[in-house]
Amino acid sequence: MPRYCLFGDTVNTASRMESTGLPYRIHVNQRTVAILLSLQEGFKVDIRGKTELKGKGVEDTYWLVGREGFTKPIPTPPDLLPGLDEIPAERRRKLEKARPGQATPTGETPPPLSPVH
C-alpha cells in the first residue's frame, strides 16, 4: 500500500510535463521558474518555447539547465528546437485556429518572467 496519495491538478501537471519532457533535461513550467528565480540561488533556465500540455493547452515551458557555482559534471543533452516544432502539423493548425498568434513557431522567444540564463 502506498504511503502517500496525491490528487489534483498538481499530479496532472506533473504527468503532462513528464510526458512532454526529454532525456537529460529537467522540464519546468513558468510557475516553477518564478519560484526558482525568486530564491536568488543562481538557478539557470532556458526557454523551451510553447509546449502543448494535454488538457491544459499551450504554455511556455523551460529547461532547468544548471546553477551558478555548481561544478560537478552533468550530462550534456542534445540541442533541440522549441517545443512547438514537436507538435504534429495537424494539431498545430488546430491550435493556431483556437489561439491566433500563440501556436506558430517563429523562432522568437516570448519575454520571460524575469531574467533567465
PDB file of N, CA and C in Angstrom:
ATOM      1  N   MET A   1       0.842  -1.172   0.000  1.00  0.00           N
ATOM      2  CA  MET A   1       0.000   0.000   0.000  1.00  0.00           C
ATOM      3  C   MET A   1       0.896   1.247   0.000  1.00  0.00           C
ATOM      4  N   PRO A   2       0.572   2.233  -0.850  1.00  0.00           N
ATOM      5  CA  PRO A   2       1.401   3.444  -0.884  1.00  0.00           C
ATOM      6  C   PRO A   2       1.322   4.208   0.433  1.00  0.00           C
ATOM      7  N   ARG A   3       2.407   4.849   0.754  1.00  0.00           N
ATOM      8  CA  ARG A   3       2.466   5.637   1.982  1.00  0.00           C
ATOM      9  C   ARG A   3       1.769   6.987   1.792  1.00  0.00           C
ATOM     10  N   TYR A   4       1.834   7.533   0.584  1.00  0.00           N
ATOM     11  CA  TYR A   4       1.218   8.824   0.304  1.00  0.00           C
ATOM     12  C   TYR A   4       0.327   8.693  -0.913  1.00  0.00           C
ATOM     13  N   CYS A   5      -0.754   9.431  -0.934  1.00  0.00           N
ATOM     14  CA  CYS A   5      -1.626   9.507  -2.100  1.00  0.00           C
ATOM     15  C   CYS A   5      -1.721  10.972  -2.506  1.00  0.00           C
ATOM     16  N   LEU A   6      -1.467  11.234  -3.768  1.00  0.00           N
ATOM     17  CA  LEU A   6      -1.513  12.603  -4.275  1.00  0.00           C
ATOM     18  C   LEU A   6      -2.665  12.722  -5.258  1.00  0.00           C
ATOM     19  N   PHE A   7      -3.389  13.823  -5.192  1.00  0.00           N
ATOM     20  CA  PHE A   7      -4.534  14.051  -6.056  1.00  0.00           C
ATOM     21  C   PHE A   7      -4.507  15.485  -6.569  1.00  0.00           C
ATOM     22  N   GLY A   8      -5.262  15.713  -7.625  1.00  0.00           N
ATOM     23  CA  GLY A   8      -5.485  17.079  -8.065  1.00  0.00           C
ATOM     24  C   GLY A   8      -4.664  17.512  -9.256  1.00  0.00           C
ATOM     25  N   ASP A   9      -4.750  18.808  -9.534  1.00  0.00           N
ATOM     26  CA  ASP A   9      -4.132  19.388 -10.716  1.00  0.00           C
ATOM     27  C   ASP A   9      -2.614  19.277 -10.708  1.00  0.00           C
ATOM     28  N   THR A  10      -1.996  19.310  -9.548  1.00  0.00           N
ATOM     29  CA  THR A  10      -0.537  19.204  -9.472  1.00  0.00           C
ATOM     30  C   THR A  10      -0.063  17.889 -10.067  1.00  0.00           C
ATOM     31  N   VAL A  11      -0.776  16.813  -9.768  1.00  0.00           N
ATOM     32  CA  VAL A  11      -0.419  15.493 -10.296  1.00  0.00           C
ATOM     33  C   VAL A  11      -0.589  15.483 -11.810  1.00  0.00           C
ATOM     34  N   ASN A  12      -1.683  16.057 -12.301  1.00  0.00           N
ATOM     35  CA  ASN A  12      -1.921  16.104 -13.748  1.00  0.00           C
ATOM     36  C   ASN A  12      -0.846  16.926 -14.451  1.00  0.00           C
ATOM     37  N   THR A  13      -0.502  18.072 -13.887  1.00  0.00           N
ATOM     38  CA  THR A  13       0.537  18.911 -14.485  1.00  0.00           C
ATOM     39  C   THR A  13       1.871  18.179 -14.515  1.00  0.00           C
ATOM     40  N   ALA A  14       2.233  17.529 -13.417  1.00  0.00           N
ATOM     41  CA  ALA A  14       3.495  16.781 -13.365  1.00  0.00           C
ATOM     42  C   ALA A  14       3.516  15.689 -14.424  1.00  0.00           C
ATOM     43  N   SER A  15       2.406  15.005 -14.600  1.00  0.00           N
ATOM     44  CA  SER A  15       2.325  13.950 -15.612  1.00  0.00           C
ATOM     45  C   SER A  15       2.502  14.519 -17.015  1.00  0.00           C
ATOM     46  N   ARG A  16       1.857  15.645 -17.297  1.00  0.00           N
ATOM     47  CA  ARG A  16       1.962  16.266 -18.630  1.00  0.00           C
ATOM     48  C   ARG A  16       3.382  16.774 -18.890  1.00  0.00           C
ATOM     49  N   MET A  17       3.996  17.347 -17.880  1.00  0.00           N
ATOM     50  CA  MET A  17       5.369  17.837 -18.045  1.00  0.00           C
ATOM     51  C   MET A  17       6.316  16.668 -18.296  1.00  0.00           C
ATOM     52  N   GLU A  18       6.110  15.567 -17.585  1.00  0.00           N
ATOM     53  CA  GLU A  18       6.963  14.391 -17.770  1.00  0.00           C
ATOM     54  C   GLU A  18       6.769  13.810 -19.163  1.00  0.00           C
ATOM     55  N   SER A  19       5.525  13.743 -19.623  1.00  0.00           N
ATOM     56  CA  SER A  19       5.258  13.120 -20.921  1.00  0.00           C
ATOM     57  C   SER A  19       5.758  13.966 -22.090  1.00  0.00           C
ATOM     58  N   THR A  20       5.963  15.264 -21.887  1.00  0.00           N
ATOM     59  CA  THR A  20       6.489  16.112 -22.963  1.00  0.00           C
ATOM     60  C   THR A  20       7.963  16.453 -22.748  1.00  0.00           C
ATOM     61  N   GLY A  21       8.556  15.900 -21.699  1.00  0.00           N
ATOM     62  CA  GLY A  21       9.973  16.133 -21.423  1.00  0.00           C
ATOM     63  C   GLY A  21      10.867  15.301 -22.324  1.00  0.00           C
ATOM     64  N   LEU A  22      12.157  15.481 -22.165  1.00  0.00           N
ATOM     65  CA  LEU A  22      13.134  14.760 -22.974  1.00  0.00           C
ATOM     66  C   LEU A  22      14.270  14.266 -22.093  1.00  0.00           C
ATOM     67  N   PRO A  23      14.999  13.234 -22.563  1.00  0.00           N
ATOM     68  CA  PRO A  23      16.105  12.696 -21.758  1.00  0.00           C
ATOM     69  C   PRO A  23      17.160  13.761 -21.438  1.00  0.00           C
ATOM     70  N   TYR A  24      17.742  13.649 -20.270  1.00  0.00           N
ATOM     71  CA  TYR A  24      18.817  14.534 -19.796  1.00  0.00           C
ATOM     72  C   TYR A  24      18.376  15.980 -19.621  1.00  0.00           C
ATOM     73  N   ARG A  25      17.090  16.204 -19.499  1.00  0.00           N
ATOM     74  CA  ARG A  25      16.589  17.568 -19.335  1.00  0.00           C
ATOM     75  C   ARG A  25      15.571  17.615 -18.203  1.00  0.00           C
ATOM     76  N   ILE A  26      15.551  18.734 -17.499  1.00  0.00           N
ATOM     77  CA  ILE A  26      14.567  18.961 -16.446  1.00  0.00           C
ATOM     78  C   ILE A  26      13.585  19.997 -16.977  1.00  0.00           C
ATOM     79  N   HIS A  27      12.348  19.562 -17.189  1.00  0.00           N
ATOM     80  CA  HIS A  27      11.305  20.352 -17.820  1.00  0.00           C
ATOM     81  C   HIS A  27      10.477  21.036 -16.730  1.00  0.00           C
ATOM     82  N   VAL A  28      10.387  22.368 -16.757  1.00  0.00           N
ATOM     83  CA  VAL A  28       9.642  23.096 -15.732  1.00  0.00           C
ATOM     84  C   VAL A  28       8.705  24.118 -16.372  1.00  0.00           C
ATOM     85  N   ASN A  29       7.668  24.499 -15.622  1.00  0.00           N
ATOM     86  CA  ASN A  29       6.727  25.491 -16.131  1.00  0.00           C
ATOM     87  C   ASN A  29       7.068  26.880 -15.587  1.00  0.00           C
ATOM     88  N   GLN A  30       6.286  27.889 -16.012  1.00  0.00           N
ATOM     89  CA  GLN A  30       6.566  29.282 -15.624  1.00  0.00           C
ATOM     90  C   GLN A  30       6.506  29.479 -14.117  1.00  0.00           C
ATOM     91  N   ARG A  31       5.581  28.816 -13.486  1.00  0.00           N
ATOM     92  CA  ARG A  31       5.443  28.977 -12.031  1.00  0.00           C
ATOM     93  C   ARG A  31       6.704  28.490 -11.311  1.00  0.00           C
ATOM     94  N   THR A  32       7.237  27.358 -11.753  1.00  0.00           N
ATOM     95  CA  THR A  32       8.460  26.827 -11.148  1.00  0.00           C
ATOM     96  C   THR A  32       9.632  27.770 -11.395  1.00  0.00           C
ATOM     97  N   VAL A  33       9.728  28.310 -12.608  1.00  0.00           N
ATOM     98  CA  VAL A  33      10.800  29.264 -12.922  1.00  0.00           C
ATOM     99  C   VAL A  33      10.717  30.473 -11.993  1.00  0.00           C
ATOM    100  N   ALA A  34       9.512  30.994 -11.805  1.00  0.00           N
ATOM    101  CA  ALA A  34       9.343  32.158 -10.935  1.00  0.00           C
ATOM    102  C   ALA A  34       9.814  31.850  -9.511  1.00  0.00           C
ATOM    103  N   ILE A  35       9.478  30.670  -9.018  1.00  0.00           N
ATOM    104  CA  ILE A  35       9.896  30.287  -7.663  1.00  0.00           C
ATOM    105  C   ILE A  35      11.414  30.149  -7.594  1.00  0.00           C
ATOM    106  N   LEU A  36      12.007  29.437  -8.569  1.00  0.00           N
ATOM    107  CA  LEU A  36      13.458  29.242  -8.559  1.00  0.00           C
ATOM    108  C   LEU A  36      14.208  30.571  -8.620  1.00  0.00           C
ATOM    109  N   LEU A  37      13.758  31.469  -9.488  1.00  0.00           N
ATOM    110  CA  LEU A  37      14.446  32.752  -9.621  1.00  0.00           C
ATOM    111  C   LEU A  37      14.248  33.632  -8.391  1.00  0.00           C
ATOM    112  N   SER A  38      13.096  33.505  -7.740  1.00  0.00           N
ATOM    113  CA  SER A  38      12.854  34.313  -6.535  1.00  0.00           C
ATOM    114  C   SER A  38      13.770  33.905  -5.383  1.00  0.00           C
ATOM    115  N   LEU A  39      14.279  32.685  -5.418  1.00  0.00           N
ATOM    116  CA  LEU A  39      15.195  32.221  -4.374  1.00  0.00           C
ATOM    117  C   LEU A  39      16.556  32.908  -4.456  1.00  0.00           C
ATOM    118  N   GLN A  40      16.874  33.461  -5.621  1.00  0.00           N
ATOM    119  CA  GLN A  40      18.157  34.125  -5.868  1.00  0.00           C
ATOM    120  C   GLN A  40      19.329  33.228  -5.480  1.00  0.00           C
ATOM    121  N   GLU A  41      19.249  31.967  -5.931  1.00  0.00           N
ATOM    122  CA  GLU A  41      20.293  30.978  -5.651  1.00  0.00           C
ATOM    123  C   GLU A  41      21.102  30.635  -6.900  1.00  0.00           C
ATOM    124  N   GLY A  42      20.931  31.406  -7.969  1.00  0.00           N
ATOM    125  CA  GLY A  42      21.733  31.205  -9.169  1.00  0.00           C
ATOM    126  C   GLY A  42      21.236  30.134 -10.120  1.00  0.00           C
ATOM    127  N   PHE A  43      19.960  29.747 -10.017  1.00  0.00           N
ATOM    128  CA  PHE A  43      19.438  28.749 -10.946  1.00  0.00           C
ATOM    129  C   PHE A  43      19.396  29.331 -12.352  1.00  0.00           C
ATOM    130  N   LYS A  44      19.720  28.493 -13.341  1.00  0.00           N
ATOM    131  CA  LYS A  44      19.743  28.916 -14.738  1.00  0.00           C
ATOM    132  C   LYS A  44      18.691  28.124 -15.505  1.00  0.00           C
ATOM    133  N   VAL A  45      17.904  28.841 -16.307  1.00  0.00           N
ATOM    134  CA  VAL A  45      16.889  28.192 -17.129  1.00  0.00           C
ATOM    135  C   VAL A  45      16.976  28.724 -18.548  1.00  0.00           C
ATOM    136  N   ASP A  46      16.608  27.883 -19.496  1.00  0.00           N
ATOM    137  CA  ASP A  46      16.471  28.285 -20.896  1.00  0.00           C
ATOM    138  C   ASP A  46      15.024  28.064 -21.283  1.00  0.00           C
ATOM    139  N   ILE A  47      14.475  28.964 -22.082  1.00  0.00           N
ATOM    140  CA  ILE A  47      13.105  28.774 -22.525  1.00  0.00           C
ATOM    141  C   ILE A  47      13.065  27.633 -23.539  1.00  0.00           C
ATOM    142  N   ARG A  48      12.133  26.747 -23.370  1.00  0.00           N
ATOM    143  CA  ARG A  48      11.913  25.683 -24.339  1.00  0.00           C
ATOM    144  C   ARG A  48      11.005  26.214 -25.437  1.00  0.00           C
ATOM    145  N   GLY A  49      10.033  27.004 -25.066  1.00  0.00           N
ATOM    146  CA  GLY A  49       9.075  27.539 -26.015  1.00  0.00           C
ATOM    147  C   GLY A  49       7.678  27.094 -25.643  1.00  0.00           C
ATOM    148  N   LYS A  50       6.766  27.278 -26.555  1.00  0.00           N
ATOM    149  CA  LYS A  50       5.385  26.881 -26.308  1.00  0.00           C
ATOM    150  C   LYS A  50       5.287  25.362 -26.435  1.00  0.00           C
ATOM    151  N   THR A  51       4.688  24.739 -25.439  1.00  0.00           N
ATOM    152  CA  THR A  51       4.551  23.288 -25.397  1.00  0.00           C
ATOM    153  C   THR A  51       3.100  22.954 -25.124  1.00  0.00           C
ATOM    154  N   GLU A  52       2.543  22.026 -25.895  1.00  0.00           N
ATOM    155  CA  GLU A  52       1.170  21.595 -25.654  1.00  0.00           C
ATOM    156  C   GLU A  52       1.151  20.625 -24.485  1.00  0.00           C
ATOM    157  N   LEU A  53       0.351  20.949 -23.486  1.00  0.00           N
ATOM    158  CA  LEU A  53       0.156  20.069 -22.340  1.00  0.00           C
ATOM    159  C   LEU A  53      -1.291  19.600 -22.388  1.00  0.00           C
ATOM    160  N   LYS A  54      -1.485  18.331 -22.681  1.00  0.00           N
ATOM    161  CA  LYS A  54      -2.820  17.761 -22.862  1.00  0.00           C
ATOM    162  C   LYS A  54      -3.744  18.170 -21.715  1.00  0.00           C
ATOM    163  N   GLY A  55      -4.889  18.710 -22.086  1.00  0.00           N
ATOM    164  CA  GLY A  55      -5.867  19.126 -21.094  1.00  0.00           C
ATOM    165  C   GLY A  55      -5.594  20.490 -20.489  1.00  0.00           C
ATOM    166  N   LYS A  56      -4.454  21.095 -20.809  1.00  0.00           N
ATOM    167  CA  LYS A  56      -4.094  22.391 -20.236  1.00  0.00           C
ATOM    168  C   LYS A  56      -3.853  23.444 -21.313  1.00  0.00           C
ATOM    169  N   GLY A  57      -3.744  23.014 -22.568  1.00  0.00           N
ATOM    170  CA  GLY A  57      -3.479  23.955 -23.639  1.00  0.00           C
ATOM    171  C   GLY A  57      -1.999  24.122 -23.905  1.00  0.00           C
ATOM    172  N   VAL A  58      -1.653  25.248 -24.500  1.00  0.00           N
ATOM    173  CA  VAL A  58      -0.265  25.542 -24.851  1.00  0.00           C
ATOM    174  C   VAL A  58       0.297  26.516 -23.814  1.00  0.00           C
ATOM    175  N   GLU A  59       1.452  26.179 -23.258  1.00  0.00           N
ATOM    176  CA  GLU A  59       2.099  27.027 -22.252  1.00  0.00           C
ATOM    177  C   GLU A  59       3.565  27.207 -22.603  1.00  0.00           C
ATOM    178  N   ASP A  60       4.135  28.312 -22.150  1.00  0.00           N
ATOM    179  CA  ASP A  60       5.588  28.456 -22.218  1.00  0.00           C
ATOM    180  C   ASP A  60       6.180  27.516 -21.182  1.00  0.00           C
ATOM    181  N   THR A  61       7.160  26.728 -21.601  1.00  0.00           N
ATOM    182  CA  THR A  61       7.856  25.858 -20.656  1.00  0.00           C
ATOM    183  C   THR A  61       9.351  26.087 -20.805  1.00  0.00           C
ATOM    184  N   TYR A  62      10.102  25.604 -19.834  1.00  0.00           N
ATOM    185  CA  TYR A  62      11.522  25.910 -19.727  1.00  0.00           C
ATOM    186  C   TYR A  62      12.315  24.660 -19.389  1.00  0.00           C
ATOM    187  N   TRP A  63      13.628  24.725 -19.638  1.00  0.00           N
ATOM    188  CA  TRP A  63      14.567  23.692 -19.193  1.00  0.00           C
ATOM    189  C   TRP A  63      15.385  24.276 -18.048  1.00  0.00           C
ATOM    190  N   LEU A  64      15.459  23.547 -16.949  1.00  0.00           N
ATOM    191  CA  LEU A  64      16.389  23.908 -15.877  1.00  0.00           C
ATOM    192  C   LEU A  64      17.744  23.392 -16.326  1.00  0.00           C
ATOM    193  N   VAL A  65      18.715  24.288 -16.517  1.00  0.00           N
ATOM    194  CA  VAL A  65      19.993  23.884 -17.124  1.00  0.00           C
ATOM    195  C   VAL A  65      21.185  23.944 -16.174  1.00  0.00           C
ATOM    196  N   GLY A  66      20.999  24.425 -14.974  1.00  0.00           N
ATOM    197  CA  GLY A  66      22.123  24.440 -14.049  1.00  0.00           C
ATOM    198  C   GLY A  66      21.952  25.460 -12.953  1.00  0.00           C
ATOM    199  N   ARG A  67      23.068  25.691 -12.291  1.00  0.00           N
ATOM    200  CA  ARG A  67      23.098  26.635 -11.179  1.00  0.00           C
ATOM    201  C   ARG A  67      24.497  27.232 -11.099  1.00  0.00           C
ATOM    202  N   GLU A  68      24.570  28.522 -10.908  1.00  0.00           N
ATOM    203  CA  GLU A  68      25.872  29.183 -10.788  1.00  0.00           C
ATOM    204  C   GLU A  68      26.661  28.560  -9.644  1.00  0.00           C
ATOM    205  N   GLY A  69      27.930  28.294  -9.905  1.00  0.00           N
ATOM    206  CA  GLY A  69      28.793  27.733  -8.880  1.00  0.00           C
ATOM    207  C   GLY A  69      28.721  26.223  -8.750  1.00  0.00           C
ATOM    208  N   PHE A  70      27.832  25.569  -9.501  1.00  0.00           N
ATOM    209  CA  PHE A  70      27.731  24.110  -9.450  1.00  0.00           C
ATOM    210  C   PHE A  70      28.815  23.551 -10.360  1.00  0.00           C
ATOM    211  N   THR A  71      29.766  22.817  -9.801  1.00  0.00           N
ATOM    212  CA  THR A  71      30.943  22.412 -10.575  1.00  0.00           C
ATOM    213  C   THR A  71      30.993  20.931 -10.916  1.00  0.00           C
ATOM    214  N   LYS A  72      30.055  20.132 -10.414  1.00  0.00           N
ATOM    215  CA  LYS A  72      30.071  18.706 -10.746  1.00  0.00           C
ATOM    216  C   LYS A  72      29.671  18.525 -12.207  1.00  0.00           C
ATOM    217  N   PRO A  73      30.298  17.570 -12.909  1.00  0.00           N
ATOM    218  CA  PRO A  73      29.932  17.357 -14.312  1.00  0.00           C
ATOM    219  C   PRO A  73      28.510  16.805 -14.427  1.00  0.00           C
ATOM    220  N   ILE A  74      27.779  17.317 -15.402  1.00  0.00           N
ATOM    221  CA  ILE A  74      26.435  16.809 -15.675  1.00  0.00           C
ATOM    222  C   ILE A  74      26.350  16.451 -17.152  1.00  0.00           C
ATOM    223  N   PRO A  75      25.476  15.495 -17.517  1.00  0.00           N
ATOM    224  CA  PRO A  75      25.351  15.119 -18.931  1.00  0.00           C
ATOM    225  C   PRO A  75      24.904  16.312 -19.771  1.00  0.00           C
ATOM    226  N   THR A  76      25.422  16.395 -20.970  1.00  0.00           N
ATOM    227  CA  THR A  76      25.026  17.458 -21.885  1.00  0.00           C
ATOM    228  C   THR A  76      23.946  16.922 -22.812  1.00  0.00           C
ATOM    229  N   PRO A  77      22.727  17.473 -22.735  1.00  0.00           N
ATOM    230  CA  PRO A  77      21.664  16.995 -23.612  1.00  0.00           C
ATOM    231  C   PRO A  77      21.875  17.488 -25.035  1.00  0.00           C
ATOM    232  N   PRO A  78      21.272  16.806 -26.003  1.00  0.00           N
ATOM    233  CA  PRO A  78      21.388  17.258 -27.393  1.00  0.00           C
ATOM    234  C   PRO A  78      20.657  18.579 -27.587  1.00  0.00           C
ATOM    235  N   ASP A  79      21.076  19.356 -28.598  1.00  0.00           N
ATOM    236  CA  ASP A  79      20.389  20.601 -28.927  1.00  0.00           C
ATOM    237  C   ASP A  79      19.007  20.276 -29.466  1.00  0.00           C
ATOM    238  N   LEU A  80      18.053  21.121 -29.118  1.00  0.00           N
ATOM    239  CA  LEU A  80      16.672  20.900 -29.533  1.00  0.00           C
ATOM    240  C   LEU A  80      16.050  22.185 -30.035  1.00  0.00           C
ATOM    241  N   LEU A  81      14.997  22.028 -30.829  1.00  0.00           N
ATOM    242  CA  LEU A  81      14.196  23.155 -31.274  1.00  0.00           C
ATOM    243  C   LEU A  81      13.112  23.408 -30.234  1.00  0.00           C
ATOM    244  N   PRO A  82      12.497  24.594 -30.213  1.00  0.00           N
ATOM    245  CA  PRO A  82      11.418  24.849 -29.264  1.00  0.00           C
ATOM    246  C   PRO A  82      10.297  23.820 -29.374  1.00  0.00           C
ATOM    247  N   GLY A  83       9.543  23.663 -28.312  1.00  0.00           N
ATOM    248  CA  GLY A  83       8.523  22.632 -28.179  1.00  0.00           C
ATOM    249  C   GLY A  83       7.490  22.564 -29.283  1.00  0.00           C
ATOM    250  N   LEU A  84       7.086  23.681 -29.883  1.00  0.00           N
ATOM    251  CA  LEU A  84       6.044  23.625 -30.902  1.00  0.00           C
ATOM    252  C   LEU A  84       6.468  22.835 -32.124  1.00  0.00           C
ATOM    253  N   ASP A  85       7.756  22.762 -32.389  1.00  0.00           N
ATOM    254  CA  ASP A  85       8.213  22.006 -33.543  1.00  0.00           C
ATOM    255  C   ASP A  85       7.971  20.516 -33.358  1.00  0.00           C
ATOM    256  N   GLU A  86       7.705  20.094 -32.125  1.00  0.00           N
ATOM    257  CA  GLU A  86       7.448  18.691 -31.847  1.00  0.00           C
ATOM    258  C   GLU A  86       5.960  18.361 -31.909  1.00  0.00           C
ATOM    259  N   ILE A  87       5.089  19.371 -32.050  1.00  0.00           N
ATOM    260  CA  ILE A  87       3.651  19.145 -32.145  1.00  0.00           C
ATOM    261  C   ILE A  87       3.325  18.809 -33.596  1.00  0.00           C
ATOM    262  N   PRO A  88       2.565  17.722 -33.827  1.00  0.00           N
ATOM    263  CA  PRO A  88       2.199  17.368 -35.202  1.00  0.00           C
ATOM    264  C   PRO A  88       1.522  18.535 -35.915  1.00  0.00           C
ATOM    265  N   ALA A  89       1.760  18.644 -37.226  1.00  0.00           N
ATOM    266  CA  ALA A  89       1.280  19.786 -38.014  1.00  0.00           C
ATOM    267  C   ALA A  89      -0.232  19.969 -37.914  1.00  0.00           C
ATOM    268  N   GLU A  90      -0.991  18.877 -37.971  1.00  0.00           N
ATOM    269  CA  GLU A  90      -2.454  18.992 -37.910  1.00  0.00           C
ATOM    270  C   GLU A  90      -2.909  19.589 -36.578  1.00  0.00           C
ATOM    271  N   ARG A  91      -2.323  19.133 -35.500  1.00  0.00           N
ATOM    272  CA  ARG A  91      -2.680  19.665 -34.183  1.00  0.00           C
ATOM    273  C   ARG A  91      -2.245  21.124 -34.064  1.00  0.00           C
ATOM    274  N   ARG A  92      -1.084  21.462 -34.640  1.00  0.00           N
ATOM    275  CA  ARG A  92      -0.595  22.842 -34.595  1.00  0.00           C
ATOM    276  C   ARG A  92      -1.567  23.769 -35.325  1.00  0.00           C
ATOM    277  N   ARG A  93      -2.131  23.307 -36.465  1.00  0.00           N
ATOM    278  CA  ARG A  93      -3.109  24.117 -37.198  1.00  0.00           C
ATOM    279  C   ARG A  93      -4.353  24.368 -36.342  1.00  0.00           C
ATOM    280  N   LYS A  94      -4.815  23.336 -35.628  1.00  0.00           N
ATOM    281  CA  LYS A  94      -5.975  23.497 -34.745  1.00  0.00           C
ATOM    282  C   LYS A  94      -5.669  24.495 -33.633  1.00  0.00           C
ATOM    283  N   LEU A  95      -4.469  24.414 -33.090  1.00  0.00           N
ATOM    284  CA  LEU A  95      -4.076  25.350 -32.038  1.00  0.00           C
ATOM    285  C   LEU A  95      -4.039  26.778 -32.569  1.00  0.00           C
ATOM    286  N   GLU A  96      -3.537  26.950 -33.785  1.00  0.00           N
ATOM    287  CA  GLU A  96      -3.445  28.283 -34.377  1.00  0.00           C
ATOM    288  C   GLU A  96      -4.846  28.858 -34.588  1.00  0.00           C
ATOM    289  N   LYS A  97      -5.808  28.015 -35.001  1.00  0.00           N
ATOM    290  CA  LYS A  97      -7.180  28.491 -35.172  1.00  0.00           C
ATOM    291  C   LYS A  97      -7.778  28.916 -33.834  1.00  0.00           C
ATOM    292  N   ALA A  98      -7.512  28.124 -32.807  1.00  0.00           N
ATOM    293  CA  ALA A  98      -8.084  28.404 -31.492  1.00  0.00           C
ATOM    294  C   ALA A  98      -7.411  29.583 -30.807  1.00  0.00           C
ATOM    295  N   ARG A  99      -6.116  29.751 -31.059  1.00  0.00           N
ATOM    296  CA  ARG A  99      -5.339  30.803 -30.378  1.00  0.00           C
ATOM    297  C   ARG A  99      -4.439  31.505 -31.383  1.00  0.00           C
ATOM    298  N   PRO A 100      -4.999  32.365 -32.216  1.00  0.00           N
ATOM    299  CA  PRO A 100      -4.199  33.029 -33.247  1.00  0.00           C
ATOM    300  C   PRO A 100      -2.967  33.714 -32.667  1.00  0.00           C
ATOM    301  N   GLY A 101      -1.831  33.468 -33.326  1.00  0.00           N
ATOM    302  CA  GLY A 101      -0.585  34.107 -32.933  1.00  0.00           C
ATOM    303  C   GLY A 101       0.156  33.429 -31.799  1.00  0.00           C
ATOM    304  N   GLN A 102      -0.488  32.490 -31.105  1.00  0.00           N
ATOM    305  CA  GLN A 102       0.163  31.839 -29.971  1.00  0.00           C
ATOM    306  C   GLN A 102       0.775  30.502 -30.336  1.00  0.00           C
ATOM    307  N   ALA A 103       0.296  29.858 -31.383  1.00  0.00           N
ATOM    308  CA  ALA A 103       0.721  28.490 -31.661  1.00  0.00           C
ATOM    309  C   ALA A 103       1.593  28.370 -32.896  1.00  0.00           C
ATOM    310  N   THR A 104       2.152  29.461 -33.361  1.00  0.00           N
ATOM    311  CA  THR A 104       3.002  29.418 -34.540  1.00  0.00           C
ATOM    312  C   THR A 104       4.462  29.523 -34.135  1.00  0.00           C
ATOM    313  N   PRO A 105       5.277  28.494 -34.465  1.00  0.00           N
ATOM    314  CA  PRO A 105       6.695  28.603 -34.122  1.00  0.00           C
ATOM    315  C   PRO A 105       7.349  29.677 -34.975  1.00  0.00           C
ATOM    316  N   THR A 106       7.925  30.678 -34.352  1.00  0.00           N
ATOM    317  CA  THR A 106       8.518  31.783 -35.100  1.00  0.00           C
ATOM    318  C   THR A 106      10.017  31.863 -34.914  1.00  0.00           C
ATOM    319  N   GLY A 107      10.527  31.061 -33.986  1.00  0.00           N
ATOM    320  CA  GLY A 107      11.939  31.169 -33.666  1.00  0.00           C
ATOM    321  C   GLY A 107      12.201  32.238 -32.624  1.00  0.00           C
ATOM    322  N   GLU A 108      11.175  33.090 -32.372  1.00  0.00           N
ATOM    323  CA  GLU A 108      11.318  34.117 -31.354  1.00  0.00           C
ATOM    324  C   GLU A 108      10.866  33.541 -30.026  1.00  0.00           C
ATOM    325  N   THR A 109      11.458  34.016 -28.963  1.00  0.00           N
ATOM    326  CA  THR A 109      11.042  33.556 -27.646  1.00  0.00           C
ATOM    327  C   THR A 109      10.278  34.661 -26.953  1.00  0.00           C
ATOM    328  N   PRO A 110       9.196  34.295 -26.257  1.00  0.00           N
ATOM    329  CA  PRO A 110       8.450  35.314 -25.541  1.00  0.00           C
ATOM    330  C   PRO A 110       9.262  35.829 -24.367  1.00  0.00           C
ATOM    331  N   PRO A 111       8.958  37.019 -23.883  1.00  0.00           N
ATOM    332  CA  PRO A 111       9.730  37.541 -22.758  1.00  0.00           C
ATOM    333  C   PRO A 111       9.531  36.672 -21.528  1.00  0.00           C
ATOM    334  N   PRO A 112      10.611  36.347 -20.807  1.00  0.00           N
ATOM    335  CA  PRO A 112      10.487  35.528 -19.606  1.00  0.00           C
ATOM    336  C   PRO A 112       9.917  36.341 -18.449  1.00  0.00           C
ATOM    337  N   LEU A 113       9.551  35.636 -17.391  1.00  0.00           N
ATOM    338  CA  LEU A 113       9.035  36.302 -16.198  1.00  0.00           C
ATOM    339  C   LEU A 113      10.060  37.249 -15.609  1.00  0.00           C
ATOM    340  N   SER A 114      11.306  36.825 -15.596  1.00  0.00           N
ATOM    341  CA  SER A 114      12.415  37.641 -15.122  1.00  0.00           C
ATOM    342  C   SER A 114      13.670  37.133 -15.811  1.00  0.00           C
ATOM    343  N   PRO A 115      14.800  37.788 -15.669  1.00  0.00           N
ATOM    344  CA  PRO A 115      15.994  37.378 -16.411  1.00  0.00           C
ATOM    345  C   PRO A 115      16.323  35.902 -16.200  1.00  0.00           C
ATOM    346  N   VAL A 116      16.591  35.225 -17.318  1.00  0.00           N
ATOM    347  CA  VAL A 116      16.975  33.818 -17.273  1.00  0.00           C
ATOM    348  C   VAL A 116      18.291  33.637 -17.983  1.00  0.00           C
ATOM    349  N   HIS A 117      18.923  32.502 -17.737  1.00  0.00           N
ATOM    350  CA  HIS A 117      20.216  32.176 -18.350  1.00  0.00           C
ATOM    351  C   HIS A 117      20.048  31.957 -19.833  1.00  0.00           C
TER     352      HIS A 117
END
